[in-house]
PDB file of all heavy atoms in Angstrom:
ATOM      1  N   ARG A   1      41.650 -33.433 -56.116  1.00  0.00           N
ATOM      2  CA  ARG A   1      41.323 -32.468 -55.072  1.00  0.00           C
ATOM      3  C   ARG A   1      40.594 -33.169 -53.927  1.00  0.00           C
ATOM      4  O   ARG A   1      40.067 -34.277 -54.101  1.00  0.00           O
ATOM      5  CB  ARG A   1      40.416 -31.360 -55.623  1.00  0.00           C
ATOM      6  CG  ARG A   1      40.990 -30.600 -56.807  1.00  0.00           C
ATOM      7  CD  ARG A   1      39.920 -29.697 -57.411  1.00  0.00           C
ATOM      8  NE  ARG A   1      39.372 -28.774 -56.426  1.00  0.00           N
ATOM      9  CZ  ARG A   1      39.704 -27.496 -56.332  1.00  0.00           C
ATOM     10  NH1 ARG A   1      40.583 -26.972 -57.178  1.00  0.00           N
ATOM     11  NH2 ARG A   1      39.175 -26.723 -55.416  1.00  0.00           N
ATOM     12  N   VAL A   2      40.541 -32.484 -52.789  1.00  0.00           N
ATOM     13  CA  VAL A   2      39.759 -33.006 -51.667  1.00  0.00           C
ATOM     14  C   VAL A   2      38.457 -32.221 -51.511  1.00  0.00           C
ATOM     15  O   VAL A   2      37.702 -32.434 -50.561  1.00  0.00           O
ATOM     16  CB  VAL A   2      40.564 -32.945 -50.349  1.00  0.00           C
ATOM     17  CG1 VAL A   2      41.786 -33.833 -50.437  1.00  0.00           C
ATOM     18  CG2 VAL A   2      40.952 -31.499 -50.009  1.00  0.00           C
ATOM     19  N   ASP A   3      38.196 -31.310 -52.426  1.00  0.00           N
ATOM     20  CA  ASP A   3      36.945 -30.571 -52.453  1.00  0.00           C
ATOM     21  C   ASP A   3      36.647 -30.188 -53.900  1.00  0.00           C
ATOM     22  O   ASP A   3      37.444 -30.475 -54.801  1.00  0.00           O
ATOM     23  CB  ASP A   3      37.007 -29.334 -51.557  1.00  0.00           C
ATOM     24  CG  ASP A   3      38.225 -28.450 -51.861  1.00  0.00           C
ATOM     25  OD1 ASP A   3      38.836 -28.643 -52.937  1.00  0.00           O
ATOM     26  OD2 ASP A   3      38.559 -27.581 -51.036  1.00  0.00           O
ATOM     27  N   VAL A   4      35.522 -29.543 -54.125  1.00  0.00           N
ATOM     28  CA  VAL A   4      35.166 -29.193 -55.497  1.00  0.00           C
ATOM     29  C   VAL A   4      35.777 -27.845 -55.868  1.00  0.00           C
ATOM     30  O   VAL A   4      36.123 -27.034 -55.011  1.00  0.00           O
ATOM     31  CB  VAL A   4      33.629 -29.136 -55.679  1.00  0.00           C
ATOM     32  CG1 VAL A   4      33.008 -30.483 -55.362  1.00  0.00           C
ATOM     33  CG2 VAL A   4      33.004 -28.035 -54.824  1.00  0.00           C
ATOM     34  N   SER A   5      35.901 -27.615 -57.159  1.00  0.00           N
ATOM     35  CA  SER A   5      36.389 -26.332 -57.671  1.00  0.00           C
ATOM     36  C   SER A   5      35.429 -25.213 -57.279  1.00  0.00           C
ATOM     37  O   SER A   5      34.205 -25.329 -57.470  1.00  0.00           O
ATOM     38  CB  SER A   5      36.514 -26.405 -59.191  1.00  0.00           C
ATOM     39  OG  SER A   5      36.578 -25.116 -59.760  1.00  0.00           O
ATOM     40  N   HIS A   6      35.961 -24.121 -56.744  1.00  0.00           N
ATOM     41  CA  HIS A   6      35.074 -23.019 -56.377  1.00  0.00           C
ATOM     42  C   HIS A   6      34.497 -22.326 -57.609  1.00  0.00           C
ATOM     43  O   HIS A   6      33.437 -21.699 -57.527  1.00  0.00           O
ATOM     44  CB  HIS A   6      35.799 -22.012 -55.469  1.00  0.00           C
ATOM     45  CG  HIS A   6      36.953 -21.310 -56.090  1.00  0.00           C
ATOM     46  ND1 HIS A   6      38.153 -21.926 -56.348  1.00  0.00           N
ATOM     47  CD2 HIS A   6      37.100 -20.007 -56.494  1.00  0.00           C
ATOM     48  CE1 HIS A   6      38.991 -21.052 -56.877  1.00  0.00           C
ATOM     49  NE2 HIS A   6      38.385 -19.886 -56.993  1.00  0.00           N
ATOM     50  N   TYR A   7      35.163 -22.451 -58.744  1.00  0.00           N
ATOM     51  CA  TYR A   7      34.594 -21.918 -59.979  1.00  0.00           C
ATOM     52  C   TYR A   7      33.340 -22.703 -60.374  1.00  0.00           C
ATOM     53  O   TYR A   7      32.314 -22.123 -60.749  1.00  0.00           O
ATOM     54  CB  TYR A   7      35.616 -21.996 -61.116  1.00  0.00           C
ATOM     55  CG  TYR A   7      36.869 -21.183 -60.891  1.00  0.00           C
ATOM     56  CD1 TYR A   7      38.086 -21.804 -60.628  1.00  0.00           C
ATOM     57  CD2 TYR A   7      36.846 -19.793 -60.940  1.00  0.00           C
ATOM     58  CE1 TYR A   7      39.247 -21.068 -60.425  1.00  0.00           C
ATOM     59  CE2 TYR A   7      37.997 -19.044 -60.743  1.00  0.00           C
ATOM     60  CZ  TYR A   7      39.196 -19.689 -60.475  1.00  0.00           C
ATOM     61  OH  TYR A   7      40.331 -18.957 -60.266  1.00  0.00           O
ATOM     62  N   ARG A   8      33.431 -24.019 -60.283  1.00  0.00           N
ATOM     63  CA  ARG A   8      32.282 -24.852 -60.636  1.00  0.00           C
ATOM     64  C   ARG A   8      31.175 -24.733 -59.597  1.00  0.00           C
ATOM     65  O   ARG A   8      29.986 -24.818 -59.930  1.00  0.00           O
ATOM     66  CB  ARG A   8      32.720 -26.305 -60.810  1.00  0.00           C
ATOM     67  CG  ARG A   8      33.747 -26.488 -61.927  1.00  0.00           C
ATOM     68  CD  ARG A   8      34.016 -27.959 -62.203  1.00  0.00           C
ATOM     69  NE  ARG A   8      35.138 -28.132 -63.129  1.00  0.00           N
ATOM     70  CZ  ARG A   8      35.500 -29.298 -63.648  1.00  0.00           C
ATOM     71  NH1 ARG A   8      34.847 -30.401 -63.325  1.00  0.00           N
ATOM     72  NH2 ARG A   8      36.530 -29.375 -64.477  1.00  0.00           N
ATOM     73  N   LEU A   9      31.569 -24.547 -58.333  1.00  0.00           N
ATOM     74  CA  LEU A   9      30.567 -24.292 -57.294  1.00  0.00           C
ATOM     75  C   LEU A   9      29.807 -23.020 -57.612  1.00  0.00           C
ATOM     76  O   LEU A   9      28.570 -22.965 -57.494  1.00  0.00           O
ATOM     77  CB  LEU A   9      31.260 -24.177 -55.932  1.00  0.00           C
ATOM     78  CG  LEU A   9      30.394 -23.722 -54.756  1.00  0.00           C
ATOM     79  CD1 LEU A   9      29.272 -24.718 -54.479  1.00  0.00           C
ATOM     80  CD2 LEU A   9      31.239 -23.508 -53.501  1.00  0.00           C
ATOM     81  N   ALA A  10      30.523 -21.971 -58.021  1.00  0.00           N
ATOM     82  CA  ALA A  10      29.882 -20.705 -58.370  1.00  0.00           C
ATOM     83  C   ALA A  10      28.939 -20.873 -59.559  1.00  0.00           C
ATOM     84  O   ALA A  10      27.832 -20.316 -59.583  1.00  0.00           O
ATOM     85  CB  ALA A  10      30.943 -19.652 -58.678  1.00  0.00           C
ATOM     86  N   LEU A  11      29.345 -21.656 -60.545  1.00  0.00           N
ATOM     87  CA  LEU A  11      28.493 -21.913 -61.710  1.00  0.00           C
ATOM     88  C   LEU A  11      27.208 -22.616 -61.284  1.00  0.00           C
ATOM     89  O   LEU A  11      26.103 -22.243 -61.707  1.00  0.00           O
ATOM     90  CB  LEU A  11      29.262 -22.773 -62.726  1.00  0.00           C
ATOM     91  CG  LEU A  11      28.474 -23.242 -63.947  1.00  0.00           C
ATOM     92  CD1 LEU A  11      28.036 -22.060 -64.811  1.00  0.00           C
ATOM     93  CD2 LEU A  11      29.320 -24.223 -64.778  1.00  0.00           C
ATOM     94  N   HIS A  12      27.352 -23.635 -60.444  1.00  0.00           N
ATOM     95  CA  HIS A  12      26.197 -24.417 -60.006  1.00  0.00           C
ATOM     96  C   HIS A  12      25.241 -23.574 -59.161  1.00  0.00           C
ATOM     97  O   HIS A  12      24.024 -23.582 -59.384  1.00  0.00           O
ATOM     98  CB  HIS A  12      26.700 -25.623 -59.197  1.00  0.00           C
ATOM     99  CG  HIS A  12      25.638 -26.614 -58.849  1.00  0.00           C
ATOM    100  ND1 HIS A  12      24.772 -27.140 -59.778  1.00  0.00           N
ATOM    101  CD2 HIS A  12      25.307 -27.199 -57.660  1.00  0.00           C
ATOM    102  CE1 HIS A  12      23.952 -27.999 -59.190  1.00  0.00           C
ATOM    103  NE2 HIS A  12      24.256 -28.039 -57.896  1.00  0.00           N
ATOM    104  N   LEU A  13      25.789 -22.823 -58.223  1.00  0.00           N
ATOM    105  CA  LEU A  13      24.942 -22.017 -57.345  1.00  0.00           C
ATOM    106  C   LEU A  13      24.279 -20.877 -58.109  1.00  0.00           C
ATOM    107  O   LEU A  13      23.077 -20.618 -57.944  1.00  0.00           O
ATOM    108  CB  LEU A  13      25.783 -21.458 -56.187  1.00  0.00           C
ATOM    109  CG  LEU A  13      25.031 -20.613 -55.164  1.00  0.00           C
ATOM    110  CD1 LEU A  13      23.952 -21.421 -54.466  1.00  0.00           C
ATOM    111  CD2 LEU A  13      25.999 -20.018 -54.129  1.00  0.00           C
ATOM    112  N   THR A  14      25.041 -20.202 -58.951  1.00  0.00           N
ATOM    113  CA  THR A  14      24.479 -19.068 -59.690  1.00  0.00           C
ATOM    114  C   THR A  14      23.375 -19.515 -60.633  1.00  0.00           C
ATOM    115  O   THR A  14      22.368 -18.815 -60.801  1.00  0.00           O
ATOM    116  CB  THR A  14      25.590 -18.334 -60.463  1.00  0.00           C
ATOM    117  OG1 THR A  14      26.637 -17.966 -59.571  1.00  0.00           O
ATOM    118  CG2 THR A  14      25.043 -17.081 -61.134  1.00  0.00           C
ATOM    119  N   THR A  15      23.532 -20.686 -61.246  1.00  0.00           N
ATOM    120  CA  THR A  15      22.488 -21.205 -62.131  1.00  0.00           C
ATOM    121  C   THR A  15      21.202 -21.453 -61.361  1.00  0.00           C
ATOM    122  O   THR A  15      20.099 -21.193 -61.862  1.00  0.00           O
ATOM    123  CB  THR A  15      22.949 -22.497 -62.819  1.00  0.00           C
ATOM    124  OG1 THR A  15      24.163 -22.249 -63.536  1.00  0.00           O
ATOM    125  CG2 THR A  15      21.898 -22.998 -63.803  1.00  0.00           C
ATOM    126  N   ALA A  16      21.314 -21.934 -60.129  1.00  0.00           N
ATOM    127  CA  ALA A  16      20.122 -22.123 -59.292  1.00  0.00           C
ATOM    128  C   ALA A  16      19.414 -20.793 -59.063  1.00  0.00           C
ATOM    129  O   ALA A  16      18.177 -20.706 -59.109  1.00  0.00           O
ATOM    130  CB  ALA A  16      20.514 -22.756 -57.957  1.00  0.00           C
ATOM    131  N   PHE A  17      20.197 -19.737 -58.828  1.00  0.00           N
ATOM    132  CA  PHE A  17      19.605 -18.421 -58.617  1.00  0.00           C
ATOM    133  C   PHE A  17      18.990 -17.877 -59.909  1.00  0.00           C
ATOM    134  O   PHE A  17      17.961 -17.193 -59.862  1.00  0.00           O
ATOM    135  CB  PHE A  17      20.661 -17.460 -58.069  1.00  0.00           C
ATOM    136  CG  PHE A  17      20.836 -17.552 -56.576  1.00  0.00           C
ATOM    137  CD1 PHE A  17      21.548 -18.597 -56.004  1.00  0.00           C
ATOM    138  CD2 PHE A  17      20.290 -16.595 -55.748  1.00  0.00           C
ATOM    139  CE1 PHE A  17      21.708 -18.687 -54.640  1.00  0.00           C
ATOM    140  CE2 PHE A  17      20.444 -16.673 -54.374  1.00  0.00           C
ATOM    141  CZ  PHE A  17      21.155 -17.730 -53.812  1.00  0.00           C
ATOM    142  N   VAL A  18      19.604 -18.170 -61.054  1.00  0.00           N
ATOM    143  CA  VAL A  18      19.024 -17.753 -62.337  1.00  0.00           C
ATOM    144  C   VAL A  18      17.673 -18.437 -62.547  1.00  0.00           C
ATOM    145  O   VAL A  18      16.692 -17.805 -62.977  1.00  0.00           O
ATOM    146  CB  VAL A  18      19.985 -18.079 -63.498  1.00  0.00           C
ATOM    147  CG1 VAL A  18      19.288 -17.881 -64.843  1.00  0.00           C
ATOM    148  CG2 VAL A  18      21.235 -17.212 -63.424  1.00  0.00           C
ATOM    149  N   ILE A  19      17.600 -19.727 -62.245  1.00  0.00           N
ATOM    150  CA  ILE A  19      16.345 -20.469 -62.382  1.00  0.00           C
ATOM    151  C   ILE A  19      15.281 -19.864 -61.471  1.00  0.00           C
ATOM    152  O   ILE A  19      14.128 -19.659 -61.883  1.00  0.00           O
ATOM    153  CB  ILE A  19      16.563 -21.958 -62.059  1.00  0.00           C
ATOM    154  CG1 ILE A  19      17.430 -22.608 -63.142  1.00  0.00           C
ATOM    155  CG2 ILE A  19      15.224 -22.694 -61.938  1.00  0.00           C
ATOM    156  CD1 ILE A  19      17.873 -24.017 -62.806  1.00  0.00           C
ATOM    157  N   LEU A  20      15.655 -19.576 -60.223  1.00  0.00           N
ATOM    158  CA  LEU A  20      14.708 -18.975 -59.283  1.00  0.00           C
ATOM    159  C   LEU A  20      14.193 -17.643 -59.814  1.00  0.00           C
ATOM    160  O   LEU A  20      12.981 -17.382 -59.796  1.00  0.00           O
ATOM    161  CB  LEU A  20      15.391 -18.786 -57.925  1.00  0.00           C
ATOM    162  CG  LEU A  20      14.580 -18.055 -56.845  1.00  0.00           C
ATOM    163  CD1 LEU A  20      13.302 -18.820 -56.523  1.00  0.00           C
ATOM    164  CD2 LEU A  20      15.426 -17.857 -55.589  1.00  0.00           C
ATOM    165  N   ALA A  21      15.096 -16.806 -60.302  1.00  0.00           N
ATOM    166  CA  ALA A  21      14.695 -15.499 -60.821  1.00  0.00           C
ATOM    167  C   ALA A  21      13.777 -15.636 -62.033  1.00  0.00           C
ATOM    168  O   ALA A  21      12.776 -14.911 -62.160  1.00  0.00           O
ATOM    169  CB  ALA A  21      15.937 -14.684 -61.184  1.00  0.00           C
ATOM    170  N   ALA A  22      14.095 -16.572 -62.923  1.00  0.00           N
ATOM    171  CA  ALA A  22      13.286 -16.757 -64.129  1.00  0.00           C
ATOM    172  C   ALA A  22      11.884 -17.256 -63.785  1.00  0.00           C
ATOM    173  O   ALA A  22      10.882 -16.785 -64.355  1.00  0.00           O
ATOM    174  CB  ALA A  22      13.985 -17.745 -65.066  1.00  0.00           C
ATOM    175  N   VAL A  23      11.793 -18.213 -62.871  1.00  0.00           N
ATOM    176  CA  VAL A  23      10.487 -18.738 -62.467  1.00  0.00           C
ATOM    177  C   VAL A  23       9.642 -17.636 -61.848  1.00  0.00           C
ATOM    178  O   VAL A  23       8.454 -17.472 -62.174  1.00  0.00           O
ATOM    179  CB  VAL A  23      10.672 -19.910 -61.469  1.00  0.00           C
ATOM    180  CG1 VAL A  23       9.329 -20.296 -60.834  1.00  0.00           C
ATOM    181  CG2 VAL A  23      11.272 -21.125 -62.173  1.00  0.00           C
ATOM    182  N   LEU A  24      10.233 -16.848 -60.971  1.00  0.00           N
ATOM    183  CA  LEU A  24       9.486 -15.781 -60.311  1.00  0.00           C
ATOM    184  C   LEU A  24       9.076 -14.688 -61.293  1.00  0.00           C
ATOM    185  O   LEU A  24       7.965 -14.151 -61.212  1.00  0.00           O
ATOM    186  CB  LEU A  24      10.332 -15.177 -59.183  1.00  0.00           C
ATOM    187  CG  LEU A  24      10.478 -16.045 -57.935  1.00  0.00           C
ATOM    188  CD1 LEU A  24      11.461 -15.419 -56.963  1.00  0.00           C
ATOM    189  CD2 LEU A  24       9.131 -16.258 -57.243  1.00  0.00           C
ATOM    190  N   TRP A  25       9.954 -14.359 -62.228  1.00  0.00           N
ATOM    191  CA  TRP A  25       9.627 -13.304 -63.197  1.00  0.00           C
ATOM    192  C   TRP A  25       8.395 -13.689 -64.020  1.00  0.00           C
ATOM    193  O   TRP A  25       7.482 -12.872 -64.227  1.00  0.00           O
ATOM    194  CB  TRP A  25      10.813 -13.029 -64.112  1.00  0.00           C
ATOM    195  CG  TRP A  25      10.617 -11.811 -64.980  1.00  0.00           C
ATOM    196  CD1 TRP A  25       9.994 -11.750 -66.194  1.00  0.00           C
ATOM    197  CD2 TRP A  25      11.026 -10.472 -64.661  1.00  0.00           C
ATOM    198  NE1 TRP A  25       9.996 -10.465 -66.667  1.00  0.00           N
ATOM    199  CE2 TRP A  25      10.617  -9.650 -65.748  1.00  0.00           C
ATOM    200  CE3 TRP A  25      11.696  -9.886 -63.588  1.00  0.00           C
ATOM    201  CZ2 TRP A  25      10.865  -8.286 -65.773  1.00  0.00           C
ATOM    202  CZ3 TRP A  25      11.940  -8.523 -63.620  1.00  0.00           C
ATOM    203  CH2 TRP A  25      11.526  -7.737 -64.703  1.00  0.00           C
ATOM    204  N   VAL A  26       8.349 -14.943 -64.478  1.00  0.00           N
ATOM    205  CA  VAL A  26       7.187 -15.399 -65.248  1.00  0.00           C
ATOM    206  C   VAL A  26       5.942 -15.400 -64.361  1.00  0.00           C
ATOM    207  O   VAL A  26       4.856 -14.991 -64.796  1.00  0.00           O
ATOM    208  CB  VAL A  26       7.446 -16.798 -65.834  1.00  0.00           C
ATOM    209  CG1 VAL A  26       6.180 -17.337 -66.510  1.00  0.00           C
ATOM    210  CG2 VAL A  26       8.593 -16.755 -66.844  1.00  0.00           C
ATOM    211  N   ALA A  27       6.083 -15.847 -63.113  1.00  0.00           N
ATOM    212  CA  ALA A  27       4.942 -15.848 -62.200  1.00  0.00           C
ATOM    213  C   ALA A  27       4.415 -14.432 -61.976  1.00  0.00           C
ATOM    214  O   ALA A  27       3.198 -14.193 -61.992  1.00  0.00           O
ATOM    215  CB  ALA A  27       5.338 -16.484 -60.869  1.00  0.00           C
ATOM    216  N   PHE A  28       5.315 -13.486 -61.782  1.00  0.00           N
ATOM    217  CA  PHE A  28       4.899 -12.092 -61.600  1.00  0.00           C
ATOM    218  C   PHE A  28       4.248 -11.541 -62.860  1.00  0.00           C
ATOM    219  O   PHE A  28       3.339 -10.705 -62.794  1.00  0.00           O
ATOM    220  CB  PHE A  28       6.101 -11.220 -61.206  1.00  0.00           C
ATOM    221  CG  PHE A  28       6.709 -11.574 -59.871  1.00  0.00           C
ATOM    222  CD1 PHE A  28       8.075 -11.429 -59.656  1.00  0.00           C
ATOM    223  CD2 PHE A  28       5.921 -12.054 -58.837  1.00  0.00           C
ATOM    224  CE1 PHE A  28       8.640 -11.745 -58.432  1.00  0.00           C
ATOM    225  CE2 PHE A  28       6.485 -12.383 -57.608  1.00  0.00           C
ATOM    226  CZ  PHE A  28       7.844 -12.227 -57.404  1.00  0.00           C
ATOM    227  N   ASP A  29       4.726 -11.982 -64.013  1.00  0.00           N
ATOM    228  CA  ASP A  29       4.126 -11.560 -65.283  1.00  0.00           C
ATOM    229  C   ASP A  29       2.647 -11.938 -65.364  1.00  0.00           C
ATOM    230  O   ASP A  29       1.856 -11.255 -66.025  1.00  0.00           O
ATOM    231  CB  ASP A  29       4.872 -12.214 -66.454  1.00  0.00           C
ATOM    232  CG  ASP A  29       5.758 -11.229 -67.199  1.00  0.00           C
ATOM    233  OD1 ASP A  29       5.774 -10.044 -66.825  1.00  0.00           O
ATOM    234  OD2 ASP A  29       6.433 -11.639 -68.147  1.00  0.00           O
ATOM    235  N   LEU A  30       2.296 -13.047 -64.738  1.00  0.00           N
ATOM    236  CA  LEU A  30       0.923 -13.557 -64.803  1.00  0.00           C
ATOM    237  C   LEU A  30       0.034 -13.001 -63.698  1.00  0.00           C
ATOM    238  O   LEU A  30      -1.123 -13.382 -63.588  1.00  0.00           O
ATOM    239  CB  LEU A  30       0.937 -15.088 -64.723  1.00  0.00           C
ATOM    240  CG  LEU A  30       1.729 -15.787 -65.827  1.00  0.00           C
ATOM    241  CD1 LEU A  30       1.728 -17.295 -65.617  1.00  0.00           C
ATOM    242  CD2 LEU A  30       1.177 -15.440 -67.199  1.00  0.00           C
ATOM    243  N   ASP A  31       0.588 -12.123 -62.884  1.00  0.00           N
ATOM    244  CA  ASP A  31      -0.164 -11.509 -61.792  1.00  0.00           C
ATOM    245  C   ASP A  31      -0.840 -10.249 -62.310  1.00  0.00           C
ATOM    246  O   ASP A  31      -0.178  -9.279 -62.677  1.00  0.00           O
ATOM    247  CB  ASP A  31       0.782 -11.168 -60.639  1.00  0.00           C
ATOM    248  CG  ASP A  31       0.033 -10.693 -59.396  1.00  0.00           C
ATOM    249  OD1 ASP A  31      -1.127 -10.249 -59.529  1.00  0.00           O
ATOM    250  OD2 ASP A  31       0.617 -10.763 -58.304  1.00  0.00           O
ATOM    251  N   ARG A  32      -2.163 -10.247 -62.346  1.00  0.00           N
ATOM    252  CA  ARG A  32      -2.893  -9.114 -62.921  1.00  0.00           C
ATOM    253  C   ARG A  32      -2.652  -7.824 -62.131  1.00  0.00           C
ATOM    254  O   ARG A  32      -2.633  -6.734 -62.693  1.00  0.00           O
ATOM    255  CB  ARG A  32      -4.389  -9.446 -62.967  1.00  0.00           C
ATOM    256  CG  ARG A  32      -5.197  -8.493 -63.830  1.00  0.00           C
ATOM    257  CD  ARG A  32      -6.540  -9.095 -64.145  1.00  0.00           C
ATOM    258  NE  ARG A  32      -6.404 -10.308 -64.923  1.00  0.00           N
ATOM    259  CZ  ARG A  32      -6.185 -10.347 -66.236  1.00  0.00           C
ATOM    260  NH1 ARG A  32      -6.053  -9.215 -66.907  1.00  0.00           N
ATOM    261  NH2 ARG A  32      -6.098 -11.485 -66.879  1.00  0.00           N
TER     262      ARG A  32
END
């Protein structure tokens, strides 16, 4: 190919968003 698979791009990008959501959820959990 001359570019990356859009399926794999979606996997990579969505995982970044999952990480962001998980980090924020734990941070909010610790907010009194």
